[in-house]
Amino acid sequence: MNDERTIQLDRMRFTKNTLSANFALLAILLDVCFFISIYETNAGSYYYNILMGASILYNLVFLLAAFLSSEGVKNYNVGYSYLLILLGIIQIARIFIYPVRAHAAELSAAGGEMVKVMGTAQFVRVVLYLALSALCCFVSAVVGIQRSRALSAHLATLNTQAA
């Protein structure tokens, strides 16, 4: 058993952490789905404000940071795992920025009746996209931290044995 674990840890020196990287890439895909879904309705001018510009800029930053983090955790760099945790927390906070506000908002339609900016089905879908994106960030981070620490501990034992 100990030899098997040592071999497994030794193989980590030469293989990439693809599980963690793939979860980070899945978080990017889910964020893109959120971004497409949030603006699919024609809600007049509700979305056309400074918050929309900030949301678009944040999406670009998220895509870049998550992709760089996926490459970082693939190479067992634990610092990128902490960045993924931060990105996951921000993804959860984003639920309360646009989706909750848009779901509660109403605009007057052409006939004078009030219509919701975001229907319940769309609200559930975009919240699910953000929540799953955050979950993928967290899973990627936890797997990255665990594997990075295991590899670092194994490398430390190799250095002490060589000395």
Protein backbone atom coordinates (compact mmCIF):
# COMPACT_ATOMS: atom_id res chain seq x y z
CA MET A 1 0.00 0.00 0.00
CA ASN A 2 2.75 2.43 0.93
CA ASP A 3 4.67 1.59 -2.24
CA GLU A 4 1.52 2.12 -4.32
CA ARG A 5 0.95 5.53 -2.77
CA THR A 6 4.60 6.47 -3.29
CA ILE A 7 4.39 5.48 -6.95
CA GLN A 8 1.17 7.45 -7.34
CA LEU A 9 2.75 10.54 -5.75
CA ASP A 10 5.89 10.11 -7.82
CA ARG A 11 3.80 9.99 -11.02
CA MET A 12 2.31 13.36 -10.07
CA ARG A 13 5.70 14.92 -10.76
CA PHE A 14 5.28 14.06 -14.43
CA THR A 15 1.52 14.32 -14.97
CA LYS A 16 -0.77 17.34 -15.00
CA ASN A 17 -3.62 17.99 -12.59
CA THR A 18 -6.25 17.74 -15.31
CA LEU A 19 -9.20 17.14 -12.94
CA SER A 20 -8.74 20.48 -11.27
CA ALA A 21 -8.07 22.25 -14.57
CA ASN A 22 -11.17 20.74 -16.17
CA PHE A 23 -13.40 21.95 -13.33
CA ALA A 24 -12.03 25.46 -13.81
CA LEU A 25 -12.77 25.24 -17.53
CA LEU A 26 -16.29 24.02 -16.75
CA ALA A 27 -16.74 27.08 -14.52
CA ILE A 28 -15.83 29.24 -17.53
CA LEU A 29 -18.38 27.45 -19.71
CA LEU A 30 -21.11 27.93 -17.12
CA ASP A 31 -20.23 31.62 -16.81
CA VAL A 32 -20.56 32.01 -20.57
CA CYS A 33 -23.98 30.33 -20.38
CA PHE A 34 -24.95 32.79 -17.64
CA PHE A 35 -23.76 35.74 -19.68
CA ILE A 36 -25.74 34.66 -22.73
CA SER A 37 -28.85 33.86 -20.70
CA ILE A 38 -28.94 37.06 -18.67
CA TYR A 39 -29.29 39.27 -21.73
CA GLU A 40 -31.50 37.05 -23.88
CA THR A 41 -34.74 38.85 -23.02
CA ASN A 42 -35.75 42.09 -24.60
CA ALA A 43 -36.41 44.09 -21.46
CA GLY A 44 -36.28 47.53 -22.96
CA SER A 45 -33.60 49.67 -21.39
CA TYR A 46 -33.43 47.84 -18.04
CA TYR A 47 -29.98 46.37 -18.69
CA TYR A 48 -28.50 49.43 -20.38
CA ASN A 49 -26.76 51.16 -17.51
CA ILE A 50 -23.34 51.36 -15.87
CA LEU A 51 -23.97 48.07 -14.06
CA MET A 52 -24.16 46.28 -17.39
CA GLY A 53 -20.79 47.70 -18.41
CA ALA A 54 -19.29 46.59 -15.11
CA SER A 55 -20.83 43.16 -15.56
CA ILE A 56 -19.33 42.79 -19.02
CA LEU A 57 -15.91 43.90 -17.78
CA TYR A 58 -16.10 41.51 -14.83
CA ASN A 59 -17.04 38.65 -17.18
CA LEU A 60 -13.91 39.35 -19.21
CA VAL A 61 -11.79 39.44 -16.05
CA PHE A 62 -13.43 36.24 -14.77
CA LEU A 63 -12.79 34.43 -18.06
CA LEU A 64 -9.15 35.48 -18.06
CA ALA A 65 -8.55 34.75 -14.36
CA ALA A 66 -10.33 31.39 -14.48
CA PHE A 67 -8.41 30.31 -17.57
CA LEU A 68 -5.08 31.33 -16.07
CA SER A 69 -6.07 29.55 -12.87
CA SER A 70 -6.92 26.40 -14.79
CA GLU A 71 -3.44 26.42 -16.26
CA GLY A 72 -1.91 27.19 -12.85
CA VAL A 73 -3.68 24.40 -10.98
CA LYS A 74 -2.87 22.03 -13.82
CA ASN A 75 0.78 22.54 -12.84
CA TYR A 76 0.10 22.12 -9.09
CA ASN A 77 0.53 25.83 -8.29
CA VAL A 78 -1.46 26.28 -5.09
CA GLY A 79 -1.72 30.06 -5.41
CA TYR A 80 -4.15 29.71 -8.31
CA SER A 81 -6.37 27.53 -6.14
CA TYR A 82 -6.87 30.44 -3.77
CA LEU A 83 -7.72 32.66 -6.73
CA LEU A 84 -10.36 30.11 -7.75
CA ILE A 85 -11.86 30.28 -4.25
CA LEU A 86 -12.11 34.05 -4.60
CA LEU A 87 -13.71 33.72 -8.04
CA GLY A 88 -16.23 31.24 -6.62
CA ILE A 89 -17.19 33.63 -3.84
CA ILE A 90 -17.67 36.44 -6.36
CA GLN A 91 -19.80 34.17 -8.55
CA ILE A 92 -22.11 33.58 -5.58
CA ALA A 93 -22.25 37.32 -4.85
CA ARG A 94 -23.20 37.99 -8.48
CA ILE A 95 -26.46 36.12 -7.93
CA PHE A 96 -27.62 39.05 -5.83
CA ILE A 97 -26.56 41.74 -8.31
CA TYR A 98 -28.34 41.20 -11.62
CA PRO A 99 -30.55 38.09 -11.34
CA VAL A 100 -32.27 38.99 -8.06
CA ARG A 101 -32.75 42.63 -9.05
CA ALA A 102 -34.00 41.80 -12.54
CA HIS A 103 -36.37 39.14 -11.22
CA ALA A 104 -37.92 41.65 -8.81
CA ALA A 105 -38.09 44.50 -11.35
CA GLU A 106 -41.06 45.29 -13.53
CA LEU A 107 -41.37 47.52 -16.59
CA SER A 108 -44.49 48.93 -18.14
CA ALA A 109 -45.36 47.30 -21.45
CA ALA A 110 -46.89 49.01 -24.45
CA GLY A 111 -50.44 48.41 -23.16
CA GLY A 112 -49.63 49.94 -19.80
CA GLU A 113 -49.46 46.62 -17.98
CA MET A 114 -46.44 45.76 -15.84
CA VAL A 115 -44.21 42.88 -17.00
CA LYS A 116 -41.32 41.28 -15.20
CA VAL A 117 -37.86 42.00 -16.57
CA MET A 118 -36.80 38.41 -15.87
CA GLY A 119 -39.24 35.54 -15.63
CA THR A 120 -38.98 32.79 -13.06
CA ALA A 121 -37.65 30.18 -15.50
CA GLN A 122 -34.87 32.47 -16.66
CA PHE A 123 -34.11 33.48 -13.06
CA VAL A 124 -33.74 29.86 -11.97
CA ARG A 125 -31.55 29.11 -14.98
CA VAL A 126 -29.13 32.02 -14.49
CA VAL A 127 -28.89 31.43 -10.73
CA LEU A 128 -28.16 27.77 -11.45
CA TYR A 129 -25.43 28.74 -13.93
CA LEU A 130 -23.76 31.04 -11.39
CA ALA A 131 -24.11 28.57 -8.51
CA LEU A 132 -22.69 25.70 -10.57
CA SER A 133 -19.88 27.92 -11.83
CA ALA A 134 -19.01 28.79 -8.22
CA LEU A 135 -19.19 25.10 -7.25
CA CYS A 136 -16.80 24.20 -10.07
CA CYS A 137 -14.40 26.91 -8.90
CA PHE A 138 -14.53 25.53 -5.35
CA VAL A 139 -14.06 21.91 -6.44
CA SER A 140 -11.16 22.89 -8.68
CA ALA A 141 -9.57 24.82 -5.81
CA VAL A 142 -9.98 22.05 -3.24
CA VAL A 143 -8.62 19.39 -5.58
CA GLY A 144 -5.76 21.70 -6.53
CA ILE A 145 -4.86 22.44 -2.91
CA GLN A 146 -4.99 18.77 -1.90
CA ARG A 147 -2.91 17.56 -4.80
CA SER A 148 -0.40 20.42 -4.54
CA ARG A 149 0.15 19.75 -0.86
CA ALA A 150 0.50 16.01 -1.45
CA LEU A 151 3.06 16.60 -4.20
CA SER A 152 4.98 19.15 -2.09
CA ALA A 153 5.11 16.76 0.85
CA HIS A 154 6.31 13.95 -1.41
CA LEU A 155 8.99 16.17 -2.94
CA ALA A 156 10.12 17.16 0.55
CA THR A 157 10.57 13.50 1.51
CA LEU A 158 12.58 12.92 -1.66
CA ASN A 159 14.87 15.84 -0.78
CA THR A 160 15.42 14.58 2.77
CA GLN A 161 16.13 11.05 1.55
CA ALA A 162 18.67 12.30 -0.96
CA ALA A 163 20.56 14.30 1.68
